[in-house]
């Protein structure tokens, strides 16, 4: 288990501190609130960085002309999925109607 570390102290305006304290939950300390906020922001930025990496990779593939579907292929795939969904919905409705009739 690694040892815990402390974050550097930060200065904030008194009204900002009052605003933070006003939104604390029952039993939550300002320290817990700040730790939670820092962790959430770090996770968000990690996801954001991963999305940027994926987007850059997709752009490189697009520049090479590989890995992207034509609009016709994209629309065809969407139509196939929509038709399959319609069939599943109809089958479920028929099955429900048969159960209700019994």
N, C-alpha and C. Protein backbone atom coordinates (compact mmCIF):
# COMPACT_ATOMS: atom_id res chain seq x y z
N UNK A 1 0.85 -1.17 0.00
CA UNK A 1 0.00 0.00 0.00
C UNK A 1 0.89 1.24 0.00
N UNK A 2 0.56 2.17 -0.86
CA UNK A 2 1.38 3.38 -0.93
C UNK A 2 0.94 4.38 0.13
N UNK A 3 1.85 5.22 0.46
CA UNK A 3 1.56 6.25 1.47
C UNK A 3 0.76 7.37 0.84
N UNK A 4 -0.04 8.00 1.65
CA UNK A 4 -0.83 9.12 1.14
C UNK A 4 0.05 10.35 1.02
N UNK A 5 -0.39 11.27 0.21
CA UNK A 5 0.33 12.53 0.01
C UNK A 5 -0.64 13.68 0.25
N UNK A 6 -0.10 14.83 0.48
CA UNK A 6 -0.94 16.01 0.66
C UNK A 6 -0.83 16.90 -0.56
N UNK A 7 -1.91 17.57 -0.85
CA UNK A 7 -1.91 18.54 -1.94
C UNK A 7 -1.45 19.88 -1.38
N UNK A 8 -0.92 20.72 -2.23
CA UNK A 8 -0.51 22.04 -1.73
C UNK A 8 -1.73 22.84 -1.26
N UNK A 9 -1.55 23.65 -0.24
CA UNK A 9 -2.67 24.49 0.20
C UNK A 9 -3.01 25.51 -0.89
N UNK A 10 -4.26 25.82 -0.98
CA UNK A 10 -4.70 26.81 -1.98
C UNK A 10 -5.43 27.94 -1.28
N UNK A 11 -5.30 29.10 -1.83
CA UNK A 11 -5.99 30.27 -1.28
C UNK A 11 -7.24 30.51 -2.14
N UNK A 12 -8.34 30.71 -1.45
CA UNK A 12 -9.59 31.04 -2.13
C UNK A 12 -10.24 32.20 -1.40
N UNK A 13 -11.10 32.88 -2.08
CA UNK A 13 -11.81 34.01 -1.48
C UNK A 13 -12.79 33.50 -0.43
N UNK A 14 -13.03 34.27 0.60
CA UNK A 14 -13.96 33.85 1.66
C UNK A 14 -15.34 33.47 1.14
N UNK A 15 -15.83 34.20 0.13
CA UNK A 15 -17.16 33.87 -0.40
C UNK A 15 -17.15 32.54 -1.14
N UNK A 16 -16.02 32.20 -1.77
CA UNK A 16 -15.91 30.90 -2.43
C UNK A 16 -15.93 29.78 -1.39
N UNK A 17 -15.22 29.98 -0.29
CA UNK A 17 -15.21 28.98 0.78
C UNK A 17 -16.62 28.82 1.35
N UNK A 18 -17.30 29.92 1.55
CA UNK A 18 -18.67 29.85 2.07
C UNK A 18 -19.58 29.10 1.10
N UNK A 19 -19.41 29.33 -0.20
CA UNK A 19 -20.21 28.62 -1.21
C UNK A 19 -19.94 27.12 -1.17
N UNK A 20 -18.66 26.76 -1.02
CA UNK A 20 -18.30 25.34 -0.94
C UNK A 20 -18.90 24.70 0.31
N UNK A 21 -18.77 25.37 1.44
CA UNK A 21 -19.29 24.83 2.68
C UNK A 21 -20.81 24.70 2.65
N UNK A 22 -21.47 25.55 1.88
CA UNK A 22 -22.93 25.51 1.79
C UNK A 22 -23.42 24.27 1.04
N UNK A 23 -22.60 23.68 0.21
CA UNK A 23 -23.04 22.52 -0.57
C UNK A 23 -22.52 21.20 -0.02
N UNK A 24 -21.82 21.23 1.08
CA UNK A 24 -21.32 19.99 1.67
C UNK A 24 -22.50 19.14 2.13
N UNK A 25 -22.35 17.83 1.96
CA UNK A 25 -23.39 16.91 2.41
C UNK A 25 -23.22 16.62 3.90
N UNK A 26 -24.23 16.03 4.47
CA UNK A 26 -24.22 15.67 5.89
C UNK A 26 -22.97 14.84 6.21
N UNK A 27 -22.17 15.31 7.14
CA UNK A 27 -20.98 14.60 7.58
C UNK A 27 -19.78 14.73 6.67
N UNK A 28 -19.90 15.45 5.57
CA UNK A 28 -18.79 15.61 4.62
C UNK A 28 -17.94 16.81 5.03
N UNK A 29 -16.64 16.62 4.98
CA UNK A 29 -15.73 17.72 5.30
C UNK A 29 -15.31 18.42 4.02
N UNK A 30 -14.79 19.61 4.19
CA UNK A 30 -14.28 20.37 3.05
C UNK A 30 -13.12 19.60 2.40
N UNK A 31 -12.30 18.96 3.21
CA UNK A 31 -11.19 18.16 2.69
C UNK A 31 -11.71 17.01 1.83
N UNK A 32 -12.74 16.31 2.29
CA UNK A 32 -13.31 15.21 1.51
C UNK A 32 -13.90 15.72 0.19
N UNK A 33 -14.55 16.87 0.26
CA UNK A 33 -15.13 17.46 -0.94
C UNK A 33 -14.04 17.77 -1.97
N UNK A 34 -12.97 18.38 -1.50
CA UNK A 34 -11.87 18.76 -2.41
C UNK A 34 -11.21 17.51 -2.98
N UNK A 35 -10.97 16.50 -2.14
CA UNK A 35 -10.36 15.26 -2.63
C UNK A 35 -11.23 14.61 -3.71
N UNK A 36 -12.53 14.56 -3.46
CA UNK A 36 -13.46 13.99 -4.43
C UNK A 36 -13.44 14.77 -5.74
N UNK A 37 -13.44 16.09 -5.64
CA UNK A 37 -13.43 16.94 -6.84
C UNK A 37 -12.14 16.74 -7.64
N UNK A 38 -11.02 16.64 -6.96
CA UNK A 38 -9.73 16.44 -7.62
C UNK A 38 -9.71 15.09 -8.34
N UNK A 39 -10.19 14.05 -7.67
CA UNK A 39 -10.22 12.72 -8.27
C UNK A 39 -11.12 12.68 -9.50
N UNK A 40 -12.29 13.29 -9.39
CA UNK A 40 -13.22 13.32 -10.53
C UNK A 40 -12.63 14.09 -11.71
N UNK A 41 -11.99 15.20 -11.44
CA UNK A 41 -11.39 15.99 -12.52
C UNK A 41 -10.25 15.24 -13.18
N UNK A 42 -9.45 14.54 -12.38
CA UNK A 42 -8.34 13.76 -12.94
C UNK A 42 -8.89 12.64 -13.84
N UNK A 43 -9.95 11.95 -13.39
CA UNK A 43 -10.55 10.89 -14.21
C UNK A 43 -11.15 11.47 -15.49
N UNK A 44 -11.80 12.63 -15.38
CA UNK A 44 -12.39 13.27 -16.56
C UNK A 44 -11.30 13.62 -17.58
N UNK A 45 -10.21 14.18 -17.09
CA UNK A 45 -9.14 14.57 -18.02
C UNK A 45 -8.47 13.37 -18.65
N UNK A 46 -8.36 12.27 -17.91
CA UNK A 46 -7.79 11.05 -18.48
C UNK A 46 -8.69 10.54 -19.62
N UNK A 47 -10.01 10.55 -19.40
CA UNK A 47 -10.95 10.15 -20.44
C UNK A 47 -10.89 11.10 -21.63
N UNK A 48 -10.77 12.37 -21.34
CA UNK A 48 -10.68 13.38 -22.39
C UNK A 48 -9.42 13.15 -23.24
N UNK A 49 -8.30 12.89 -22.58
CA UNK A 49 -7.05 12.63 -23.31
C UNK A 49 -7.17 11.38 -24.16
N UNK A 50 -7.82 10.33 -23.62
CA UNK A 50 -8.01 9.10 -24.40
C UNK A 50 -8.89 9.36 -25.62
N UNK A 51 -9.91 10.19 -25.46
CA UNK A 51 -10.78 10.52 -26.59
C UNK A 51 -10.02 11.30 -27.66
N UNK A 52 -9.13 12.18 -27.23
CA UNK A 52 -8.32 12.94 -28.19
C UNK A 52 -7.40 12.01 -28.96
N UNK A 53 -6.80 11.05 -28.26
CA UNK A 53 -5.93 10.07 -28.93
C UNK A 53 -6.72 9.29 -29.97
N UNK A 54 -7.95 8.84 -29.60
CA UNK A 54 -8.78 8.10 -30.55
C UNK A 54 -9.16 8.96 -31.75
N UNK A 55 -9.48 10.22 -31.49
CA UNK A 55 -9.87 11.12 -32.57
C UNK A 55 -8.70 11.37 -33.53
N UNK A 56 -7.51 11.55 -32.97
CA UNK A 56 -6.34 11.76 -33.83
C UNK A 56 -6.05 10.53 -34.67
N UNK A 57 -6.22 9.36 -34.07
CA UNK A 57 -6.01 8.11 -34.81
C UNK A 57 -7.02 8.00 -35.95
N UNK A 58 -8.28 8.33 -35.67
CA UNK A 58 -9.31 8.29 -36.70
C UNK A 58 -9.01 9.28 -37.82
N UNK A 59 -8.52 10.46 -37.46
CA UNK A 59 -8.16 11.44 -38.50
C UNK A 59 -7.01 10.96 -39.36
N UNK A 60 -6.02 10.32 -38.72
CA UNK A 60 -4.90 9.77 -39.51
C UNK A 60 -5.40 8.69 -40.47
N UNK A 61 -6.30 7.84 -39.99
CA UNK A 61 -6.86 6.80 -40.85
C UNK A 61 -7.67 7.42 -41.98
N UNK A 62 -8.39 8.49 -41.67
CA UNK A 62 -9.17 9.16 -42.70
C UNK A 62 -8.26 9.77 -43.75
N UNK A 63 -7.13 10.35 -43.31
CA UNK A 63 -6.18 10.93 -44.26
C UNK A 63 -5.59 9.87 -45.17
N UNK A 64 -5.41 8.65 -44.61
CA UNK A 64 -4.88 7.54 -45.41
C UNK A 64 -5.96 6.90 -46.26
N UNK A 65 -7.21 7.22 -45.98
CA UNK A 65 -8.31 6.63 -46.73
C UNK A 65 -8.67 5.24 -46.24
N UNK A 66 -8.30 4.89 -45.01
CA UNK A 66 -8.61 3.56 -44.48
C UNK A 66 -9.45 3.68 -43.22
N UNK A 67 -10.23 2.65 -42.97
CA UNK A 67 -10.95 2.56 -41.72
C UNK A 67 -12.26 3.31 -41.65
N UNK A 68 -12.61 4.05 -42.69
CA UNK A 68 -13.87 4.78 -42.66
C UNK A 68 -14.86 4.17 -43.65
N UNK A 69 -16.12 4.20 -43.26
CA UNK A 69 -17.17 3.68 -44.13
C UNK A 69 -17.66 4.78 -45.07
N UNK A 70 -18.09 4.36 -46.24
CA UNK A 70 -18.73 5.32 -47.12
C UNK A 70 -20.12 5.63 -46.55
N UNK A 71 -20.69 6.72 -46.98
CA UNK A 71 -22.01 7.09 -46.48
C UNK A 71 -23.04 6.02 -46.84
N UNK A 72 -22.91 5.42 -48.01
CA UNK A 72 -23.84 4.37 -48.42
C UNK A 72 -23.73 3.15 -47.50
N UNK A 73 -22.49 2.76 -47.18
CA UNK A 73 -22.29 1.62 -46.28
C UNK A 73 -22.82 1.93 -44.89
N UNK A 74 -22.58 3.13 -44.43
CA UNK A 74 -23.06 3.54 -43.12
C UNK A 74 -24.59 3.50 -43.07
N UNK A 75 -25.23 4.09 -44.05
CA UNK A 75 -26.69 4.12 -44.08
C UNK A 75 -27.26 2.71 -44.25
N UNK A 76 -26.61 1.89 -45.06
CA UNK A 76 -27.07 0.52 -45.24
C UNK A 76 -27.02 -0.26 -43.94
N UNK A 77 -25.95 -0.10 -43.20
CA UNK A 77 -25.83 -0.76 -41.90
C UNK A 77 -26.88 -0.29 -40.93
N UNK A 78 -27.15 1.00 -40.93
CA UNK A 78 -28.17 1.56 -40.05
C UNK A 78 -29.56 1.02 -40.41
N UNK A 79 -29.83 0.92 -41.71
CA UNK A 79 -31.12 0.39 -42.15
C UNK A 79 -31.27 -1.07 -41.74
N UNK A 80 -30.20 -1.85 -41.87
CA UNK A 80 -30.25 -3.26 -41.45
C UNK A 80 -30.54 -3.38 -39.96
N UNK A 81 -29.87 -2.55 -39.16
CA UNK A 81 -30.10 -2.60 -37.71
C UNK A 81 -31.53 -2.16 -37.39
N UNK A 82 -32.05 -1.17 -38.09
CA UNK A 82 -33.42 -0.70 -37.85
C UNK A 82 -34.42 -1.79 -38.21
N UNK A 83 -34.21 -2.47 -39.33
CA UNK A 83 -35.11 -3.55 -39.73
C UNK A 83 -35.07 -4.70 -38.74
N UNK A 84 -33.88 -5.03 -38.27
CA UNK A 84 -33.74 -6.10 -37.29
C UNK A 84 -34.46 -5.73 -35.99
N UNK A 85 -34.35 -4.47 -35.59
CA UNK A 85 -35.03 -4.00 -34.38
C UNK A 85 -36.55 -4.07 -34.56
N UNK A 86 -37.03 -3.70 -35.73
CA UNK A 86 -38.47 -3.77 -36.01
C UNK A 86 -38.96 -5.21 -35.89
N UNK A 87 -38.19 -6.15 -36.45
CA UNK A 87 -38.57 -7.55 -36.38
C UNK A 87 -38.61 -8.04 -34.92
N UNK A 88 -37.62 -7.63 -34.12
CA UNK A 88 -37.60 -8.03 -32.71
C UNK A 88 -38.80 -7.45 -31.97
N UNK A 89 -39.15 -6.21 -32.26
CA UNK A 89 -40.29 -5.57 -31.60
C UNK A 89 -41.58 -6.26 -31.99
N UNK A 90 -41.73 -6.57 -33.27
CA UNK A 90 -42.94 -7.25 -33.73
C UNK A 90 -43.05 -8.63 -33.10
N UNK A 91 -41.94 -9.35 -33.05
CA UNK A 91 -41.94 -10.69 -32.45
C UNK A 91 -42.31 -10.60 -30.97
N UNK A 92 -41.79 -9.61 -30.28
CA UNK A 92 -42.10 -9.45 -28.86
C UNK A 92 -43.57 -9.10 -28.68
N UNK A 93 -44.12 -8.28 -29.56
CA UNK A 93 -45.53 -7.90 -29.48
C UNK A 93 -46.42 -9.11 -29.73
N UNK A 94 -46.06 -9.95 -30.71
CA UNK A 94 -46.83 -11.16 -31.00
C UNK A 94 -46.78 -12.10 -29.81
N UNK A 95 -45.57 -12.28 -29.25
CA UNK A 95 -45.43 -13.17 -28.09
C UNK A 95 -46.24 -12.65 -26.91
N UNK A 96 -46.24 -11.34 -26.70
CA UNK A 96 -47.01 -10.77 -25.59
C UNK A 96 -48.50 -10.97 -25.85
N UNK A 97 -48.94 -10.78 -27.09
CA UNK A 97 -50.34 -10.99 -27.43
C UNK A 97 -50.77 -12.43 -27.20
N UNK A 98 -49.89 -13.36 -27.51
CA UNK A 98 -50.20 -14.78 -27.29
C UNK A 98 -50.29 -15.08 -25.80
N UNK A 99 -49.41 -14.51 -25.01
CA UNK A 99 -49.44 -14.74 -23.55
C UNK A 99 -50.71 -14.13 -22.96
N UNK A 100 -51.07 -12.93 -23.45
CA UNK A 100 -52.27 -12.27 -22.93
C UNK A 100 -53.53 -13.05 -23.27
N UNK A 101 -53.54 -13.73 -24.44
CA UNK A 101 -54.69 -14.50 -24.90
C UNK A 101 -54.86 -15.78 -24.10
N UNK A 102 -53.81 -16.27 -23.49
CA UNK A 102 -53.87 -17.53 -22.76
C UNK A 102 -54.52 -17.40 -21.44
